[in-house]
Amino acid sequence: MKGITVKLPEAVARQLREQARQSGRSMAALIRERIEAPRHGDGSVYAMSADLAGTLAGNRVPATNARSRFRRP
């Protein structure tokens, strides 16, 4: 195995230490497990947000702002 160094915020490190103590495993083993764990679905952004994707009804004309100070030169 190749080693790396990871810097964590103190609160995250404290939670990780506690989980390691409770499970009887090392912090490194917990980190490896989380990195290697398969992600839900295929891991794409679309797959993770598919339940949020959809269409909206409305005017097909792009939004514009007719006020002169917002017009492009």
PDB file of N, CA and C in Angstrom:
ATOM      1  N   MET A   1       0.837  -1.181   0.000  1.00  0.00           N
ATOM      2  CA  MET A   1       0.000   0.000   0.000  1.00  0.00           C
ATOM      3  C   MET A   1       0.872   1.231   0.000  1.00  0.00           C
ATOM      4  N   LYS A   2       0.340   2.279  -0.609  1.00  0.00           N
ATOM      5  CA  LYS A   2       1.027   3.559  -0.630  1.00  0.00           C
ATOM      6  C   LYS A   2       0.369   4.466   0.398  1.00  0.00           C
ATOM      7  N   GLY A   3       1.145   5.184   1.154  1.00  0.00           N
ATOM      8  CA  GLY A   3       0.610   6.058   2.196  1.00  0.00           C
ATOM      9  C   GLY A   3       0.423   7.477   1.699  1.00  0.00           C
ATOM     10  N   ILE A   4      -0.556   8.156   2.276  1.00  0.00           N
ATOM     11  CA  ILE A   4      -0.782   9.576   2.012  1.00  0.00           C
ATOM     12  C   ILE A   4      -1.067  10.270   3.332  1.00  0.00           C
ATOM     13  N   THR A   5      -0.997  11.586   3.312  1.00  0.00           N
ATOM     14  CA  THR A   5      -1.320  12.373   4.491  1.00  0.00           C
ATOM     15  C   THR A   5      -2.574  13.174   4.197  1.00  0.00           C
ATOM     16  N   VAL A   6      -3.517  13.158   5.130  1.00  0.00           N
ATOM     17  CA  VAL A   6      -4.766  13.897   4.975  1.00  0.00           C
ATOM     18  C   VAL A   6      -4.937  14.787   6.190  1.00  0.00           C
ATOM     19  N   LYS A   7      -5.238  16.053   5.953  1.00  0.00           N
ATOM     20  CA  LYS A   7      -5.496  16.981   7.054  1.00  0.00           C
ATOM     21  C   LYS A   7      -7.003  17.136   7.190  1.00  0.00           C
ATOM     22  N   LEU A   8      -7.499  16.930   8.400  1.00  0.00           N
ATOM     23  CA  LEU A   8      -8.935  17.001   8.677  1.00  0.00           C
ATOM     24  C   LEU A   8      -9.211  18.085   9.699  1.00  0.00           C
ATOM     25  N   PRO A   9     -10.379  18.705   9.614  1.00  0.00           N
ATOM     26  CA  PRO A   9     -10.767  19.628  10.685  1.00  0.00           C
ATOM     27  C   PRO A   9     -10.846  18.858  12.004  1.00  0.00           C
ATOM     28  N   GLU A  10     -10.591  19.526  13.093  1.00  0.00           N
ATOM     29  CA  GLU A  10     -10.552  18.867  14.404  1.00  0.00           C
ATOM     30  C   GLU A  10     -11.848  18.128  14.710  1.00  0.00           C
ATOM     31  N   ALA A  11     -12.985  18.720  14.368  1.00  0.00           N
ATOM     32  CA  ALA A  11     -14.271  18.073  14.655  1.00  0.00           C
ATOM     33  C   ALA A  11     -14.406  16.752  13.894  1.00  0.00           C
ATOM     34  N   VAL A  12     -13.967  16.714  12.642  1.00  0.00           N
ATOM     35  CA  VAL A  12     -14.041  15.487  11.836  1.00  0.00           C
ATOM     36  C   VAL A  12     -13.082  14.444  12.395  1.00  0.00           C
ATOM     37  N   ALA A  13     -11.887  14.870  12.758  1.00  0.00           N
ATOM     38  CA  ALA A  13     -10.902  13.946  13.322  1.00  0.00           C
ATOM     39  C   ALA A  13     -11.416  13.353  14.637  1.00  0.00           C
ATOM     40  N   ARG A  14     -12.066  14.187  15.443  1.00  0.00           N
ATOM     41  CA  ARG A  14     -12.617  13.713  16.714  1.00  0.00           C
ATOM     42  C   ARG A  14     -13.709  12.665  16.473  1.00  0.00           C
ATOM     43  N   GLN A  15     -14.601  12.913  15.500  1.00  0.00           N
ATOM     44  CA  GLN A  15     -15.653  11.944  15.178  1.00  0.00           C
ATOM     45  C   GLN A  15     -15.039  10.639  14.667  1.00  0.00           C
ATOM     46  N   LEU A  16     -14.027  10.755  13.837  1.00  0.00           N
ATOM     47  CA  LEU A  16     -13.375   9.574  13.282  1.00  0.00           C
ATOM     48  C   LEU A  16     -12.687   8.757  14.384  1.00  0.00           C
ATOM     49  N   ARG A  17     -12.014   9.437  15.302  1.00  0.00           N
ATOM     50  CA  ARG A  17     -11.376   8.737  16.432  1.00  0.00           C
ATOM     51  C   ARG A  17     -12.418   7.993  17.260  1.00  0.00           C
ATOM     52  N   GLU A  18     -13.534   8.643  17.530  1.00  0.00           N
ATOM     53  CA  GLU A  18     -14.595   8.026  18.326  1.00  0.00           C
ATOM     54  C   GLU A  18     -15.178   6.804  17.614  1.00  0.00           C
ATOM     55  N   GLN A  19     -15.427   6.923  16.306  1.00  0.00           N
ATOM     56  CA  GLN A  19     -15.946   5.785  15.550  1.00  0.00           C
ATOM     57  C   GLN A  19     -14.936   4.637  15.516  1.00  0.00           C
ATOM     58  N   ALA A  20     -13.664   4.964  15.400  1.00  0.00           N
ATOM     59  CA  ALA A  20     -12.624   3.939  15.395  1.00  0.00           C
ATOM     60  C   ALA A  20     -12.581   3.236  16.751  1.00  0.00           C
ATOM     61  N   ARG A  21     -12.672   4.007  17.823  1.00  0.00           N
ATOM     62  CA  ARG A  21     -12.647   3.425  19.166  1.00  0.00           C
ATOM     63  C   ARG A  21     -13.844   2.512  19.380  1.00  0.00           C
ATOM     64  N   GLN A  22     -15.032   2.969  18.983  1.00  0.00           N
ATOM     65  CA  GLN A  22     -16.241   2.187  19.182  1.00  0.00           C
ATOM     66  C   GLN A  22     -16.255   0.903  18.352  1.00  0.00           C
ATOM     67  N   SER A  23     -15.691   0.967  17.156  1.00  0.00           N
ATOM     68  CA  SER A  23     -15.712  -0.207  16.282  1.00  0.00           C
ATOM     69  C   SER A  23     -14.514  -1.124  16.491  1.00  0.00           C
ATOM     70  N   GLY A  24     -13.505  -0.641  17.220  1.00  0.00           N
ATOM     71  CA  GLY A  24     -12.302  -1.449  17.435  1.00  0.00           C
ATOM     72  C   GLY A  24     -11.415  -1.529  16.200  1.00  0.00           C
ATOM     73  N   ARG A  25     -11.591  -0.602  15.287  1.00  0.00           N
ATOM     74  CA  ARG A  25     -10.784  -0.572  14.070  1.00  0.00           C
ATOM     75  C   ARG A  25      -9.918   0.678  14.080  1.00  0.00           C
ATOM     76  N   SER A  26      -8.939   0.698  13.204  1.00  0.00           N
ATOM     77  CA  SER A  26      -8.070   1.872  13.128  1.00  0.00           C
ATOM     78  C   SER A  26      -8.743   2.975  12.315  1.00  0.00           C
ATOM     79  N   MET A  27      -8.273   4.199  12.525  1.00  0.00           N
ATOM     80  CA  MET A  27      -8.780   5.318  11.738  1.00  0.00           C
ATOM     81  C   MET A  27      -8.466   5.099  10.261  1.00  0.00           C
ATOM     82  N   ALA A  28      -7.290   4.582   9.966  1.00  0.00           N
ATOM     83  CA  ALA A  28      -6.900   4.333   8.580  1.00  0.00           C
ATOM     84  C   ALA A  28      -7.838   3.331   7.911  1.00  0.00           C
ATOM     85  N   ALA A  29      -8.250   2.298   8.641  1.00  0.00           N
ATOM     86  CA  ALA A  29      -9.154   1.297   8.082  1.00  0.00           C
ATOM     87  C   ALA A  29     -10.513   1.919   7.771  1.00  0.00           C
ATOM     88  N   LEU A  30     -11.003   2.789   8.652  1.00  0.00           N
ATOM     89  CA  LEU A  30     -12.276   3.454   8.412  1.00  0.00           C
ATOM     90  C   LEU A  30     -12.203   4.370   7.196  1.00  0.00           C
ATOM     91  N   ILE A  31     -11.107   5.101   7.057  1.00  0.00           N
ATOM     92  CA  ILE A  31     -10.930   5.999   5.915  1.00  0.00           C
ATOM     93  C   ILE A  31     -10.847   5.199   4.623  1.00  0.00           C
ATOM     94  N   ARG A  32     -10.069   4.118   4.614  1.00  0.00           N
ATOM     95  CA  ARG A  32      -9.970   3.263   3.415  1.00  0.00           C
ATOM     96  C   ARG A  32     -11.330   2.721   3.023  1.00  0.00           C
ATOM     97  N   GLU A  33     -12.097   2.277   4.009  1.00  0.00           N
ATOM     98  CA  GLU A  33     -13.421   1.724   3.737  1.00  0.00           C
ATOM     99  C   GLU A  33     -14.330   2.756   3.076  1.00  0.00           C
ATOM    100  N   ARG A  34     -14.277   3.982   3.558  1.00  0.00           N
ATOM    101  CA  ARG A  34     -15.135   5.028   3.005  1.00  0.00           C
ATOM    102  C   ARG A  34     -14.688   5.461   1.613  1.00  0.00           C
ATOM    103  N   ILE A  35     -13.403   5.455   1.370  1.00  0.00           N
ATOM    104  CA  ILE A  35     -12.914   5.818   0.040  1.00  0.00           C
ATOM    105  C   ILE A  35     -13.252   4.739  -0.970  1.00  0.00           C
ATOM    106  N   GLU A  36     -13.128   3.478  -0.568  1.00  0.00           N
ATOM    107  CA  GLU A  36     -13.355   2.368  -1.483  1.00  0.00           C
ATOM    108  C   GLU A  36     -14.829   2.006  -1.646  1.00  0.00           C
ATOM    109  N   ALA A  37     -15.695   2.504  -0.769  1.00  0.00           N
ATOM    110  CA  ALA A  37     -17.114   2.137  -0.813  1.00  0.00           C
ATOM    111  C   ALA A  37     -17.735   2.578  -2.125  1.00  0.00           C
ATOM    112  N   PRO A  38     -18.529   1.694  -2.728  1.00  0.00           N
ATOM    113  CA  PRO A  38     -19.200   2.098  -3.966  1.00  0.00           C
ATOM    114  C   PRO A  38     -20.230   3.183  -3.680  1.00  0.00           C
ATOM    115  N   ARG A  39     -20.381   4.088  -4.606  1.00  0.00           N
ATOM    116  CA  ARG A  39     -21.356   5.159  -4.442  1.00  0.00           C
ATOM    117  C   ARG A  39     -22.715   4.671  -4.903  1.00  0.00           C
ATOM    118  N   HIS A  40     -23.743   5.349  -4.454  1.00  0.00           N
ATOM    119  CA  HIS A  40     -25.102   4.991  -4.851  1.00  0.00           C
ATOM    120  C   HIS A  40     -25.271   5.243  -6.341  1.00  0.00           C
ATOM    121  N   GLY A  41     -25.952   4.346  -7.036  1.00  0.00           N
ATOM    122  CA  GLY A  41     -26.170   4.503  -8.463  1.00  0.00           C
ATOM    123  C   GLY A  41     -24.863   4.351  -9.218  1.00  0.00           C
ATOM    124  N   ASP A  42     -24.727   5.061 -10.314  1.00  0.00           N
ATOM    125  CA  ASP A  42     -23.503   4.960 -11.091  1.00  0.00           C
ATOM    126  C   ASP A  42     -22.504   6.045 -10.738  1.00  0.00           C
ATOM    127  N   GLY A  43     -22.832   6.887  -9.762  1.00  0.00           N
ATOM    128  CA  GLY A  43     -21.898   7.896  -9.306  1.00  0.00           C
ATOM    129  C   GLY A  43     -21.947   9.197 -10.086  1.00  0.00           C
ATOM    130  N   SER A  44     -22.740   9.252 -11.165  1.00  0.00           N
ATOM    131  CA  SER A  44     -22.812  10.490 -11.923  1.00  0.00           C
ATOM    132  C   SER A  44     -23.656  11.505 -11.169  1.00  0.00           C
ATOM    133  N   VAL A  45     -23.452  12.760 -11.478  1.00  0.00           N
ATOM    134  CA  VAL A  45     -24.236  13.807 -10.838  1.00  0.00           C
ATOM    135  C   VAL A  45     -25.710  13.616 -11.178  1.00  0.00           C
ATOM    136  N   TYR A  46     -25.995  13.243 -12.423  1.00  0.00           N
ATOM    137  CA  TYR A  46     -27.391  13.029 -12.806  1.00  0.00           C
ATOM    138  C   TYR A  46     -28.014  11.903 -11.980  1.00  0.00           C
ATOM    139  N   ALA A  47     -27.303  10.797 -11.821  1.00  0.00           N
ATOM    140  CA  ALA A  47     -27.840   9.665 -11.069  1.00  0.00           C
ATOM    141  C   ALA A  47     -28.144  10.052  -9.626  1.00  0.00           C
ATOM    142  N   MET A  48     -27.277  10.874  -9.034  1.00  0.00           N
ATOM    143  CA  MET A  48     -27.483  11.271  -7.647  1.00  0.00           C
ATOM    144  C   MET A  48     -28.623  12.269  -7.502  1.00  0.00           C
ATOM    145  N   SER A  49     -28.936  13.022  -8.582  1.00  0.00           N
ATOM    146  CA  SER A  49     -29.989  14.034  -8.486  1.00  0.00           C
ATOM    147  C   SER A  49     -31.161  13.751  -9.419  1.00  0.00           C
ATOM    148  N   ALA A  50     -31.293  12.514  -9.884  1.00  0.00           N
ATOM    149  CA  ALA A  50     -32.344  12.176 -10.848  1.00  0.00           C
ATOM    150  C   ALA A  50     -33.740  12.471 -10.306  1.00  0.00           C
ATOM    151  N   ASP A  51     -33.943  12.290  -9.013  1.00  0.00           N
ATOM    152  CA  ASP A  51     -35.260  12.553  -8.456  1.00  0.00           C
ATOM    153  C   ASP A  51     -35.584  14.048  -8.443  1.00  0.00           C
ATOM    154  N   LEU A  52     -34.575  14.885  -8.611  1.00  0.00           N
ATOM    155  CA  LEU A  52     -34.787  16.327  -8.635  1.00  0.00           C
ATOM    156  C   LEU A  52     -34.933  16.865 -10.054  1.00  0.00           C
ATOM    157  N   ALA A  53     -34.525  16.082 -11.057  1.00  0.00           N
ATOM    158  CA  ALA A  53     -34.542  16.529 -12.448  1.00  0.00           C
ATOM    159  C   ALA A  53     -35.960  16.507 -12.993  1.00  0.00           C
ATOM    160  N   GLY A  54     -36.244  17.409 -13.910  1.00  0.00           N
ATOM    161  CA  GLY A  54     -37.565  17.450 -14.518  1.00  0.00           C
ATOM    162  C   GLY A  54     -37.645  18.578 -15.509  1.00  0.00           C
ATOM    163  N   THR A  55     -38.847  18.935 -15.865  1.00  0.00           N
ATOM    164  CA  THR A  55     -39.062  20.028 -16.797  1.00  0.00           C
ATOM    165  C   THR A  55     -40.023  21.027 -16.181  1.00  0.00           C
ATOM    166  N   LEU A  56     -39.971  22.225 -16.692  1.00  0.00           N
ATOM    167  CA  LEU A  56     -40.863  23.283 -16.227  1.00  0.00           C
ATOM    168  C   LEU A  56     -41.704  23.752 -17.395  1.00  0.00           C
ATOM    169  N   ALA A  57     -42.947  24.030 -17.148  1.00  0.00           N
ATOM    170  CA  ALA A  57     -43.797  24.601 -18.176  1.00  0.00           C
ATOM    171  C   ALA A  57     -43.594  26.106 -18.156  1.00  0.00           C
ATOM    172  N   GLY A  58     -43.702  26.706 -19.319  1.00  0.00           N
ATOM    173  CA  GLY A  58     -43.573  28.151 -19.358  1.00  0.00           C
ATOM    174  C   GLY A  58     -43.218  28.640 -20.735  1.00  0.00           C
ATOM    175  N   ASN A  59     -42.927  29.911 -20.821  1.00  0.00           N
ATOM    176  CA  ASN A  59     -42.591  30.557 -22.068  1.00  0.00           C
ATOM    177  C   ASN A  59     -41.211  30.111 -22.540  1.00  0.00           C
ATOM    178  N   ARG A  60     -41.075  29.841 -23.831  1.00  0.00           N
ATOM    179  CA  ARG A  60     -39.795  29.393 -24.373  1.00  0.00           C
ATOM    180  C   ARG A  60     -38.861  30.558 -24.670  1.00  0.00           C
ATOM    181  N   VAL A  61     -39.347  31.789 -24.555  1.00  0.00           N
ATOM    182  CA  VAL A  61     -38.517  32.966 -24.797  1.00  0.00           C
ATOM    183  C   VAL A  61     -37.581  33.131 -23.603  1.00  0.00           C
ATOM    184  N   PRO A  62     -36.298  33.333 -23.857  1.00  0.00           N
ATOM    185  CA  PRO A  62     -35.376  33.484 -22.731  1.00  0.00           C
ATOM    186  C   PRO A  62     -35.706  34.712 -21.896  1.00  0.00           C
ATOM    187  N   ALA A  63     -35.383  34.639 -20.657  1.00  0.00           N
ATOM    188  CA  ALA A  63     -35.645  35.758 -19.751  1.00  0.00           C
ATOM    189  C   ALA A  63     -34.803  36.953 -20.169  1.00  0.00           C
ATOM    190  N   THR A  64     -35.400  38.115 -20.114  1.00  0.00           N
ATOM    191  CA  THR A  64     -34.682  39.341 -20.453  1.00  0.00           C
ATOM    192  C   THR A  64     -35.039  40.405 -19.433  1.00  0.00           C
ATOM    193  N   ASN A  65     -34.212  41.411 -19.366  1.00  0.00           N
ATOM    194  CA  ASN A  65     -34.474  42.547 -18.504  1.00  0.00           C
ATOM    195  C   ASN A  65     -34.455  43.772 -19.402  1.00  0.00           C
ATOM    196  N   ALA A  66     -35.595  44.407 -19.591  1.00  0.00           N
ATOM    197  CA  ALA A  66     -35.730  45.497 -20.524  1.00  0.00           C
ATOM    198  C   ALA A  66     -35.180  46.826 -19.985  1.00  0.00           C
ATOM    199  N   ARG A  67     -34.884  46.907 -18.710  1.00  0.00           N
ATOM    200  CA  ARG A  67     -34.389  48.169 -18.162  1.00  0.00           C
ATOM    201  C   ARG A  67     -33.042  48.523 -18.781  1.00  0.00           C
ATOM    202  N   SER A  68     -32.871  49.769 -19.118  1.00  0.00           N
ATOM    203  CA  SER A  68     -31.689  50.200 -19.874  1.00  0.00           C
ATOM    204  C   SER A  68     -30.377  49.977 -19.131  1.00  0.00           C
ATOM    205  N   ARG A  69     -30.355  50.077 -17.820  1.00  0.00           N
ATOM    206  CA  ARG A  69     -29.085  49.921 -17.111  1.00  0.00           C
ATOM    207  C   ARG A  69     -28.586  48.481 -17.114  1.00  0.00           C
ATOM    208  N   PHE A  70     -29.454  47.519 -17.473  1.00  0.00           N
ATOM    209  CA  PHE A  70     -29.048  46.135 -17.524  1.00  0.00           C
ATOM    210  C   PHE A  70     -28.818  45.627 -18.956  1.00  0.00           C
ATOM    211  N   ARG A  71     -29.018  46.482 -19.928  1.00  0.00           N
ATOM    212  CA  ARG A  71     -28.829  46.076 -21.313  1.00  0.00           C
ATOM    213  C   ARG A  71     -27.364  45.930 -21.633  1.00  0.00           C
ATOM    214  N   ARG A  72     -27.082  45.047 -22.523  1.00  0.00           N
ATOM    215  CA  ARG A  72     -25.694  44.896 -22.983  1.00  0.00           C
ATOM    216  C   ARG A  72     -25.392  45.981 -23.998  1.00  0.00           C
ATOM    217  N   PRO A  73     -24.171  46.478 -24.018  1.00  0.00           N
ATOM    218  CA  PRO A  73     -23.803  47.553 -24.962  1.00  0.00           C
ATOM    219  C   PRO A  73     -23.770  47.048 -26.386  1.00  0.00           C
TER     220      PRO A  73
END
